[in-house]
Protein backbone atom coordinates (compact mmCIF):
# COMPACT_ATOMS: atom_id res chain seq x y z
CA MET A 1 18.87 -13.42 50.39
CA ASN A 2 20.88 -12.32 47.37
CA GLU A 3 19.25 -9.91 44.94
CA LEU A 4 19.28 -11.18 41.35
CA LYS A 5 20.66 -8.90 38.63
CA GLN A 6 18.22 -7.85 35.87
CA ARG A 7 20.84 -8.57 33.17
CA LYS A 8 23.94 -10.71 33.06
CA THR A 9 26.41 -11.84 30.41
CA GLU A 10 27.82 -15.32 30.36
CA ASN A 11 29.86 -16.94 27.57
CA GLY A 12 29.25 -13.91 25.36
CA ILE A 13 25.45 -14.20 25.58
CA ASP A 14 23.30 -11.58 27.31
CA TYR A 15 20.56 -12.85 29.61
CA VAL A 16 17.51 -11.03 31.01
CA LEU A 17 15.82 -11.94 34.27
CA VAL A 18 12.18 -12.92 33.74
CA GLY A 19 10.54 -14.05 36.94
CA ASP A 20 13.03 -16.46 38.50
CA TYR A 21 14.72 -17.46 35.23
CA TYR A 22 17.38 -15.95 33.00
CA ILE A 23 16.35 -16.03 29.34
CA PRO A 24 18.78 -15.28 26.46
CA ASP A 25 18.32 -11.77 25.08
CA LEU A 26 18.34 -12.66 21.39
CA LYS A 27 17.73 -10.10 18.66
CA LEU A 28 16.97 -10.73 15.01
CA PRO A 29 18.91 -8.79 12.40
CA GLU A 30 17.08 -5.84 10.84
CA GLU A 31 15.82 -6.56 7.33
CA ASN A 32 13.43 -4.18 5.63
CA ARG A 33 13.47 -5.47 2.06
CA PRO A 34 10.26 -7.18 0.90
CA ILE A 35 10.48 -10.79 -0.23
CA GLY A 36 7.91 -10.32 -3.01
CA LYS A 37 6.28 -12.93 -5.21
CA PHE A 38 9.44 -14.80 -6.17
CA GLY A 39 10.72 -14.89 -2.61
CA ARG A 40 7.43 -16.37 -1.40
CA LEU A 41 7.49 -18.96 -4.20
CA HIS A 42 11.04 -19.92 -3.32
CA ARG A 43 10.14 -20.20 0.38
CA GLU A 44 7.40 -22.72 -0.46
CA PHE A 45 9.83 -24.59 -2.75
CA LEU A 46 12.39 -24.82 0.07
CA LYS A 47 9.76 -26.01 2.57
CA GLU A 48 8.61 -28.78 0.25
CA LYS A 49 11.81 -29.95 -1.46
CA TYR A 50 14.64 -28.94 0.92
CA PRO A 51 13.27 -28.83 4.49
CA ALA A 52 16.74 -29.19 6.05
CA ARG A 53 18.04 -26.11 4.18
CA TYR A 54 14.84 -24.23 5.06
CA ASN A 55 15.27 -25.01 8.77
CA GLU A 56 18.96 -24.10 8.64
CA LEU A 57 18.09 -20.67 7.19
CA ILE A 58 15.40 -20.11 9.82
CA LEU A 59 17.63 -21.11 12.74
CA SER A 60 20.50 -18.92 11.52
CA CYS A 61 18.11 -15.93 11.07
CA GLU A 62 19.09 -15.66 7.40
CA LEU A 63 15.85 -16.75 5.72
CA TRP A 64 14.38 -13.28 5.15
CA SER A 65 17.63 -11.88 3.69
CA TYR A 66 18.05 -14.95 1.51
CA LEU A 67 14.51 -14.66 0.14
CA ALA A 68 14.90 -10.91 -0.46
CA ASP A 69 18.08 -11.65 -2.45
CA VAL A 70 16.26 -14.31 -4.49
CA ASN A 71 13.42 -11.88 -5.19
CA GLU A 72 15.84 -9.15 -6.34
CA GLN A 73 17.68 -11.57 -8.62
CA ALA A 74 14.42 -12.81 -10.16
CA GLN A 75 13.11 -9.31 -10.94
CA PRO A 76 13.69 -8.30 -14.53
CA SER A 77 15.94 -5.24 -14.65
CA SER A 78 15.01 -2.13 -16.61
CA LEU A 79 18.04 -2.71 -18.89
CA GLU A 80 16.57 -5.92 -20.31
CA ARG A 81 13.40 -4.26 -21.58
């Protein structure tokens, strides 16, 4: 019987052998910025008022970066004080 490879690439996607099945080896982008108070508020706003946009951001792995950007924009800068 043929031995199955532990990893394979097909159509530009890497797959890992788990049991008898190949599962896509997906990795989320690294994001270390905190989303803060304003990011959390905006996340709840998106969930309630714009669920399609919220799901689009989740599925494209951009939600955390988007919320971190919103939080940074909402923070008052030290120049305004």
